[in-house]
Protein backbone atom coordinates (compact mmCIF):
# COMPACT_ATOMS: atom_id res chain seq x y z
CA MET A 1 115.84 89.59 77.18
CA SER A 2 118.89 89.42 79.42
CA ARG A 3 122.23 87.96 78.36
CA VAL A 4 121.81 85.10 80.88
CA ALA A 5 118.39 84.24 79.48
CA ASP A 6 119.78 84.37 75.91
CA THR A 7 122.57 81.98 76.92
CA ASN A 8 120.14 79.58 78.59
CA VAL A 9 117.84 79.61 75.55
CA PHE A 10 120.80 79.00 73.23
CA ASP A 11 122.04 76.12 75.42
CA ALA A 12 118.59 74.53 75.37
CA VAL A 13 118.24 74.91 71.59
CA SER A 14 121.81 73.63 71.05
CA HIS A 15 121.07 70.56 73.12
CA LEU A 16 117.69 70.02 71.47
CA PHE A 17 119.03 70.27 67.91
CA ASN A 18 122.48 68.88 68.78
CA ILE A 19 124.36 71.90 67.41
CA PRO A 20 128.04 70.96 67.37
CA GLU A 21 130.47 72.92 69.51
CA SER A 22 132.48 73.86 66.43
CA ILE A 23 129.61 76.11 65.29
CA GLU A 24 128.99 77.43 68.78
CA LYS A 25 132.51 78.86 69.03
CA PHE A 26 131.78 81.41 66.27
CA ILE A 27 128.66 82.89 67.84
CA ILE A 28 128.86 86.32 69.43
CA ASN A 29 125.71 87.56 71.07
CA SER A 30 124.97 90.78 69.20
CA ARG A 31 121.86 91.61 71.22
CA SER A 32 123.97 92.61 74.21
CA ASN A 33 125.11 95.67 72.23
CA ASP A 34 121.63 96.95 71.32
CA THR A 35 121.43 100.68 71.89
CA ASN A 36 119.31 103.36 70.30
CA GLU A 37 122.11 104.16 67.83
CA ASN A 38 122.27 100.51 66.72
CA LYS A 39 118.55 100.17 65.92
CA SER A 40 119.17 100.78 62.21
CA ILE A 41 121.84 98.06 61.99
CA GLY A 42 120.87 94.94 60.09
CA ASN A 43 122.32 91.48 60.56
CA ILE A 44 124.10 89.74 57.68
CA PRO A 45 123.03 86.09 57.27
CA ALA A 46 126.05 83.77 57.11
CA ASP A 47 127.07 80.20 56.38
CA ILE A 48 130.38 78.99 57.88
CA LEU A 49 132.31 76.10 56.37
CA ASP A 50 135.04 74.44 58.46
CA THR A 51 137.59 72.76 56.16
CA PRO A 52 140.85 71.07 57.16
CA LYS A 53 142.90 74.14 56.13
CA GLU A 54 140.56 77.11 56.54
CA TYR A 55 137.26 78.58 57.71
CA ILE A 56 135.08 79.98 54.93
CA PHE A 57 132.30 82.50 55.65
CA TYR A 58 129.60 83.04 53.01
CA MET A 59 127.36 86.09 53.52
CA ASP A 60 124.56 87.47 51.40
CA VAL A 61 125.01 91.17 50.68
CA PRO A 62 122.61 91.87 47.81
CA GLY A 63 122.81 95.29 46.25
CA LEU A 64 126.13 96.17 47.88
CA SER A 65 129.41 96.64 46.06
CA LYS A 66 132.79 95.58 47.41
CA SER A 67 133.63 99.21 48.14
CA ASP A 68 130.65 99.32 50.57
CA ILE A 69 132.00 96.41 52.68
CA GLN A 70 134.72 96.50 55.33
CA VAL A 71 136.29 93.33 56.79
CA THR A 72 138.47 93.76 59.90
CA VAL A 73 139.75 91.84 62.92
CA GLU A 74 139.21 93.46 66.32
CA ASP A 75 140.43 92.40 69.76
CA GLU A 76 142.87 89.92 68.16
CA ASN A 77 140.22 87.26 67.40
CA THR A 78 136.95 88.91 66.38
CA LEU A 79 136.16 88.97 62.68
CA VAL A 80 133.96 92.00 61.92
CA ILE A 81 132.09 92.56 58.67
CA ARG A 82 130.53 96.02 58.24
CA SER A 83 128.73 97.83 55.51
CA GLY A 84 128.41 101.58 55.61
CA GLY A 85 126.63 101.57 52.29
CA LYS A 86 122.90 101.50 51.92
CA ARG A 87 121.09 99.35 49.41
CA LYS A 88 119.42 101.67 46.96
CA ARG A 89 115.82 101.47 45.87
CA GLU A 90 115.04 102.04 42.23
CA ASP A 91 113.32 105.37 41.67
CA GLY A 92 110.43 105.65 39.27
CA GLU A 93 111.55 107.21 35.99
CA GLU A 94 108.29 108.96 35.33
CA GLU A 95 106.55 111.49 37.46
CA GLY A 96 103.76 110.00 39.56
CA CYS A 97 105.50 106.67 40.15
CA LYS A 98 105.32 105.29 43.67
CA TYR A 99 105.90 102.01 45.42
CA ILE A 100 102.76 100.03 46.22
CA ARG A 101 104.65 97.48 48.34
CA LEU A 102 108.01 97.62 50.16
CA GLU A 103 109.06 94.21 51.50
CA ARG A 104 112.83 94.31 51.18
CA ARG A 105 114.56 95.77 54.20
CA THR A 106 117.08 98.52 53.56
CA PRO A 107 119.00 99.02 56.80
CA GLN A 108 121.37 101.96 57.11
CA ARG A 109 124.27 99.69 58.03
CA LEU A 110 124.98 95.96 58.19
CA ILE A 111 127.30 94.39 60.75
CA ARG A 112 128.27 90.89 61.83
CA LYS A 113 130.89 89.73 64.33
CA PHE A 114 132.40 86.28 64.70
CA ARG A 115 134.74 85.04 67.42
CA LEU A 116 137.55 83.20 65.66
CA PRO A 117 139.01 80.03 67.17
CA GLU A 118 142.59 79.91 68.45
CA ASN A 119 143.87 78.13 65.33
CA ALA A 120 142.68 80.94 63.01
CA ASN A 121 145.51 82.80 61.30
CA VAL A 122 144.24 86.39 61.49
CA SER A 123 147.10 87.64 59.34
CA ALA A 124 145.97 85.40 56.45
CA ILE A 125 142.39 86.50 55.75
CA THR A 126 141.05 87.14 52.27
CA ALA A 127 137.67 88.44 51.14
CA LYS A 128 135.87 88.79 47.83
CA CYS A 129 132.44 90.07 46.90
CA GLU A 130 130.85 88.60 43.82
CA ASN A 131 127.22 88.44 42.63
CA GLY A 132 125.84 89.64 45.98
CA VAL A 133 127.81 87.10 48.05
CA LEU A 134 130.73 88.05 50.29
CA THR A 135 133.20 85.20 50.81
CA VAL A 136 135.74 85.56 53.63
CA VAL A 137 138.45 82.91 53.96
CA VAL A 138 140.38 82.58 57.23
CA GLU A 139 143.35 80.23 57.03
CA LYS A 140 144.09 77.91 59.93
CA HIS A 141 147.45 77.63 61.66
CA PRO A 142 148.97 74.19 61.14
CA PRO A 143 148.31 71.85 64.06
CA PRO A 144 151.11 71.62 66.62
CA PRO A 145 153.36 68.60 66.27
CA LYS A 146 152.18 65.62 68.25
CA ALA A 147 154.15 64.87 71.38
CA LYS A 148 156.38 61.84 71.16
CA LYS A 149 155.92 59.12 73.70
CA VAL A 150 159.13 58.08 75.37
CA GLU A 151 159.18 55.15 77.73
CA VAL A 152 161.53 55.39 80.66
CA THR A 153 162.55 52.26 82.50
CA VAL A 154 162.27 52.45 86.23
CA SER A 155 165.22 50.90 88.09
């Protein structure tokens, strides 16, 4: 599907479900980068919480340790979460063991990109991985001071 068609579909769904613009600003269309080398890349599901002082990203990364995960900022405002590690399948301990069903995906790499808003302080980002959940906190810059209104008399 083309990028224009993806945008039109997203606009229609946003309007239909009334998705607020605050969520829309984080979305980066990852399908535009699909190449043969990216076919083994999985997408990390994420929840984004917008608080008065920070943005908090919660991502499920089951089976990965914190050493497998890399959090960076690219192009000044793009938060990138990557995993070079691969979730491991348990091997049978005895000879003759084999899987009879494989439902859990095990992609080679995981990646997710988010466009950060202008008020995001990219130099104040923290991340922790605990119990299969990666939490990334991006502090917000304080709002600019409000302009004072000064009345001038016209003579």
